[in-house]
Amino acid sequence: MFTASVEDTDNAYNDGDILGSFIGIIDISGKNISESFDFCQIPNDSGTLKVESVCIEKEISNTKTAVILITDDDKGNSVLLKSVLTW
């Protein structure tokens, strides 16, 4: 499982306006890593989120997992979000 965030900046070092974040899954079976992956944008009705990490809290079923996400607003604030992913 991974997160990725997008900022409006010309390089990987300087912060820019936060455009959104994504969460996805890469299938790793044994020693093989899939060449494709599934992902979706993390929704947020109150603005944009820059999610910088994900931790699996527990597997609820084969198609549902509880996760904890940590955000960073580039102003010194972080928010912990408890979520459930379903696929």
N, C-alpha and C. Protein backbone atom coordinates (compact mmCIF):
# COMPACT_ATOMS: atom_id res chain seq x y z
N MET A 1 0.84 -1.15 0.00
CA MET A 1 0.00 0.00 0.00
C MET A 1 0.90 1.23 0.00
N PHE A 2 0.49 2.27 -0.73
CA PHE A 2 1.31 3.48 -0.83
C PHE A 2 0.42 4.71 -0.92
N THR A 3 1.01 5.87 -0.63
CA THR A 3 0.36 7.16 -0.87
C THR A 3 1.26 7.99 -1.77
N ALA A 4 0.64 8.89 -2.50
CA ALA A 4 1.37 9.83 -3.35
C ALA A 4 0.60 11.15 -3.34
N SER A 5 1.32 12.25 -3.25
CA SER A 5 0.69 13.57 -3.26
C SER A 5 1.25 14.41 -4.38
N VAL A 6 0.43 15.36 -4.85
CA VAL A 6 0.80 16.21 -5.97
C VAL A 6 0.79 17.67 -5.50
N GLU A 7 1.88 18.38 -5.81
CA GLU A 7 1.97 19.81 -5.50
C GLU A 7 2.31 20.56 -6.78
N ASP A 8 1.86 21.80 -6.85
CA ASP A 8 2.15 22.66 -7.99
C ASP A 8 3.50 23.34 -7.76
N THR A 9 4.57 22.66 -8.19
CA THR A 9 5.93 23.18 -8.03
C THR A 9 6.78 22.67 -9.19
N ASP A 10 7.87 23.36 -9.46
CA ASP A 10 8.75 22.99 -10.57
C ASP A 10 9.77 21.92 -10.22
N ASN A 11 9.86 21.54 -8.90
CA ASN A 11 10.86 20.56 -8.52
C ASN A 11 10.38 19.76 -7.32
N ALA A 12 11.16 18.77 -6.93
CA ALA A 12 10.77 17.86 -5.83
C ALA A 12 11.15 18.40 -4.46
N TYR A 13 11.78 19.56 -4.40
CA TYR A 13 12.27 20.08 -3.12
C TYR A 13 11.40 21.19 -2.54
N ASN A 14 10.92 22.09 -3.37
CA ASN A 14 10.13 23.23 -2.89
C ASN A 14 8.65 22.87 -2.81
N ASP A 15 7.99 23.35 -1.75
CA ASP A 15 6.55 23.13 -1.62
C ASP A 15 5.80 24.03 -2.59
N GLY A 16 4.66 23.53 -3.03
CA GLY A 16 3.76 24.31 -3.88
C GLY A 16 2.34 24.11 -3.39
N ASP A 17 1.39 24.70 -4.07
CA ASP A 17 -0.01 24.47 -3.71
C ASP A 17 -0.31 22.98 -3.76
N ILE A 18 -1.00 22.49 -2.74
CA ILE A 18 -1.35 21.06 -2.67
C ILE A 18 -2.51 20.81 -3.62
N LEU A 19 -2.33 19.89 -4.55
CA LEU A 19 -3.35 19.59 -5.55
C LEU A 19 -4.16 18.35 -5.22
N GLY A 20 -3.66 17.50 -4.31
CA GLY A 20 -4.40 16.29 -3.93
C GLY A 20 -3.47 15.13 -3.63
N SER A 21 -4.09 14.05 -3.13
CA SER A 21 -3.34 12.85 -2.76
C SER A 21 -4.04 11.61 -3.29
N PHE A 22 -3.25 10.55 -3.42
CA PHE A 22 -3.74 9.28 -3.92
C PHE A 22 -3.31 8.16 -2.98
N ILE A 23 -4.06 7.08 -2.99
CA ILE A 23 -3.70 5.88 -2.25
C ILE A 23 -3.80 4.71 -3.22
N GLY A 24 -2.90 3.76 -3.08
CA GLY A 24 -2.92 2.64 -4.01
C GLY A 24 -2.33 1.38 -3.42
N ILE A 25 -2.44 0.32 -4.21
CA ILE A 25 -1.97 -1.00 -3.81
C ILE A 25 -1.13 -1.58 -4.94
N ILE A 26 0.04 -2.09 -4.58
CA ILE A 26 0.90 -2.82 -5.52
C ILE A 26 0.93 -4.26 -5.05
N ASP A 27 0.62 -5.19 -5.94
CA ASP A 27 0.62 -6.62 -5.59
C ASP A 27 2.05 -7.13 -5.53
N ILE A 28 2.44 -7.61 -4.36
CA ILE A 28 3.76 -8.22 -4.17
C ILE A 28 3.51 -9.65 -3.70
N SER A 29 3.74 -10.60 -4.59
CA SER A 29 3.53 -12.00 -4.27
C SER A 29 4.86 -12.73 -4.33
N GLY A 30 5.29 -13.23 -3.17
CA GLY A 30 6.58 -13.91 -3.13
C GLY A 30 7.69 -12.93 -3.46
N LYS A 31 8.45 -13.23 -4.49
CA LYS A 31 9.54 -12.35 -4.92
C LYS A 31 9.16 -11.53 -6.13
N ASN A 32 7.90 -11.61 -6.55
CA ASN A 32 7.45 -10.91 -7.74
C ASN A 32 6.69 -9.65 -7.38
N ILE A 33 7.00 -8.56 -8.07
CA ILE A 33 6.29 -7.29 -7.91
C ILE A 33 5.53 -7.02 -9.19
N SER A 34 4.24 -6.79 -9.06
CA SER A 34 3.40 -6.53 -10.21
C SER A 34 3.89 -5.29 -10.97
N GLU A 35 3.78 -5.32 -12.28
CA GLU A 35 4.16 -4.16 -13.09
C GLU A 35 3.03 -3.14 -13.17
N SER A 36 1.86 -3.48 -12.67
CA SER A 36 0.75 -2.54 -12.65
C SER A 36 0.25 -2.39 -11.21
N PHE A 37 -0.52 -1.36 -10.97
CA PHE A 37 -1.04 -1.13 -9.63
C PHE A 37 -2.39 -0.42 -9.72
N ASP A 38 -3.16 -0.51 -8.65
CA ASP A 38 -4.46 0.15 -8.55
C ASP A 38 -4.32 1.34 -7.61
N PHE A 39 -5.00 2.45 -7.94
CA PHE A 39 -4.96 3.62 -7.08
C PHE A 39 -6.23 4.44 -7.27
N CYS A 40 -6.50 5.33 -6.31
CA CYS A 40 -7.62 6.26 -6.43
C CYS A 40 -7.27 7.53 -5.66
N GLN A 41 -7.93 8.63 -6.03
CA GLN A 41 -7.71 9.88 -5.32
C GLN A 41 -8.39 9.81 -3.96
N ILE A 42 -7.73 10.36 -2.95
CA ILE A 42 -8.30 10.41 -1.61
C ILE A 42 -9.28 11.58 -1.57
N PRO A 43 -10.57 11.31 -1.36
CA PRO A 43 -11.56 12.40 -1.39
C PRO A 43 -11.47 13.27 -0.14
N ASN A 44 -11.81 14.55 -0.31
CA ASN A 44 -11.85 15.46 0.82
C ASN A 44 -12.77 16.62 0.46
N ASP A 45 -13.91 16.70 1.11
CA ASP A 45 -14.89 17.74 0.82
C ASP A 45 -14.47 19.12 1.32
N SER A 46 -13.55 19.18 2.28
CA SER A 46 -13.20 20.47 2.88
C SER A 46 -11.93 21.08 2.30
N GLY A 47 -11.42 20.58 1.21
CA GLY A 47 -10.21 21.12 0.61
C GLY A 47 -9.28 20.01 0.16
N THR A 48 -8.04 20.35 -0.08
CA THR A 48 -7.07 19.35 -0.52
C THR A 48 -6.25 18.84 0.65
N LEU A 49 -5.90 17.59 0.57
CA LEU A 49 -5.08 16.94 1.59
C LEU A 49 -3.75 16.52 0.98
N LYS A 50 -2.68 16.64 1.75
CA LYS A 50 -1.40 16.08 1.33
C LYS A 50 -1.12 14.93 2.29
N VAL A 51 -1.50 13.73 1.87
CA VAL A 51 -1.30 12.53 2.69
C VAL A 51 0.11 12.03 2.42
N GLU A 52 0.88 11.86 3.50
CA GLU A 52 2.29 11.49 3.34
C GLU A 52 2.62 10.09 3.81
N SER A 53 1.69 9.43 4.51
CA SER A 53 1.98 8.05 4.91
C SER A 53 0.69 7.30 5.18
N VAL A 54 0.80 5.98 5.11
CA VAL A 54 -0.33 5.10 5.38
C VAL A 54 0.17 3.94 6.22
N CYS A 55 -0.67 3.53 7.16
CA CYS A 55 -0.36 2.38 8.02
C CYS A 55 -1.61 1.50 8.04
N ILE A 56 -1.42 0.21 7.82
CA ILE A 56 -2.55 -0.71 7.88
C ILE A 56 -2.87 -0.98 9.35
N GLU A 57 -4.10 -0.67 9.74
CA GLU A 57 -4.54 -0.91 11.11
C GLU A 57 -5.00 -2.35 11.28
N LYS A 58 -5.87 -2.82 10.38
CA LYS A 58 -6.29 -4.22 10.41
C LYS A 58 -7.02 -4.58 9.13
N GLU A 59 -6.91 -5.85 8.76
CA GLU A 59 -7.65 -6.37 7.62
C GLU A 59 -9.02 -6.79 8.13
N ILE A 60 -10.05 -6.19 7.58
CA ILE A 60 -11.42 -6.48 8.00
C ILE A 60 -11.97 -7.67 7.24
N SER A 61 -11.67 -7.73 5.94
CA SER A 61 -12.06 -8.86 5.09
C SER A 61 -11.12 -8.87 3.89
N ASN A 62 -11.35 -9.77 2.93
CA ASN A 62 -10.51 -9.83 1.73
C ASN A 62 -10.66 -8.59 0.86
N THR A 63 -11.73 -7.81 1.08
CA THR A 63 -11.97 -6.63 0.26
C THR A 63 -12.11 -5.35 1.08
N LYS A 64 -11.70 -5.39 2.34
CA LYS A 64 -11.85 -4.22 3.20
C LYS A 64 -10.72 -4.17 4.23
N THR A 65 -10.05 -3.02 4.31
CA THR A 65 -8.93 -2.84 5.23
C THR A 65 -9.03 -1.50 5.95
N ALA A 66 -8.83 -1.51 7.26
CA ALA A 66 -8.79 -0.27 8.04
C ALA A 66 -7.37 0.28 7.97
N VAL A 67 -7.24 1.57 7.67
CA VAL A 67 -5.93 2.21 7.55
C VAL A 67 -5.90 3.50 8.36
N ILE A 68 -4.70 3.94 8.66
CA ILE A 68 -4.48 5.24 9.29
C ILE A 68 -3.62 6.07 8.34
N LEU A 69 -4.08 7.27 8.02
CA LEU A 69 -3.36 8.17 7.12
C LEU A 69 -2.85 9.36 7.92
N ILE A 70 -1.67 9.86 7.58
CA ILE A 70 -1.11 11.05 8.20
C ILE A 70 -0.93 12.12 7.12
N THR A 71 -1.42 13.34 7.41
CA THR A 71 -1.32 14.43 6.45
C THR A 71 -0.27 15.45 6.89
N ASP A 72 0.11 16.32 5.96
CA ASP A 72 1.03 17.43 6.23
C ASP A 72 0.55 18.61 5.40
N ASP A 73 0.27 19.74 6.03
CA ASP A 73 -0.23 20.90 5.29
C ASP A 73 0.88 21.89 4.91
N ASP A 74 2.14 21.53 5.11
CA ASP A 74 3.31 22.36 4.81
C ASP A 74 3.38 23.61 5.68
N LYS A 75 2.56 23.69 6.72
CA LYS A 75 2.57 24.83 7.64
C LYS A 75 2.85 24.38 9.07
N GLY A 76 3.33 23.13 9.22
CA GLY A 76 3.65 22.60 10.54
C GLY A 76 2.54 21.81 11.19
N ASN A 77 1.44 21.58 10.47
CA ASN A 77 0.31 20.85 11.04
C ASN A 77 0.16 19.48 10.37
N SER A 78 -0.22 18.50 11.18
CA SER A 78 -0.51 17.16 10.68
C SER A 78 -1.85 16.71 11.23
N VAL A 79 -2.53 15.87 10.49
CA VAL A 79 -3.81 15.32 10.90
C VAL A 79 -3.75 13.80 10.73
N LEU A 80 -4.25 13.07 11.71
CA LEU A 80 -4.36 11.62 11.64
C LEU A 80 -5.79 11.30 11.20
N LEU A 81 -5.92 10.52 10.14
CA LEU A 81 -7.22 10.13 9.60
C LEU A 81 -7.38 8.62 9.66
N LYS A 82 -8.44 8.16 10.30
CA LYS A 82 -8.75 6.73 10.28
C LYS A 82 -9.75 6.50 9.16
N SER A 83 -9.46 5.54 8.30
CA SER A 83 -10.27 5.30 7.11
C SER A 83 -10.44 3.80 6.88
N VAL A 84 -11.39 3.47 6.04
CA VAL A 84 -11.59 2.09 5.61
C VAL A 84 -11.55 2.07 4.09
N LEU A 85 -10.65 1.25 3.54
CA LEU A 85 -10.57 1.07 2.09
C LEU A 85 -11.37 -0.16 1.70
N THR A 86 -12.15 -0.01 0.66
CA THR A 86 -12.96 -1.12 0.15
C THR A 86 -12.69 -1.25 -1.35
N TRP A 87 -12.50 -2.48 -1.81
CA TRP A 87 -12.30 -2.73 -3.25
C TRP A 87 -12.97 -3.98 -3.68
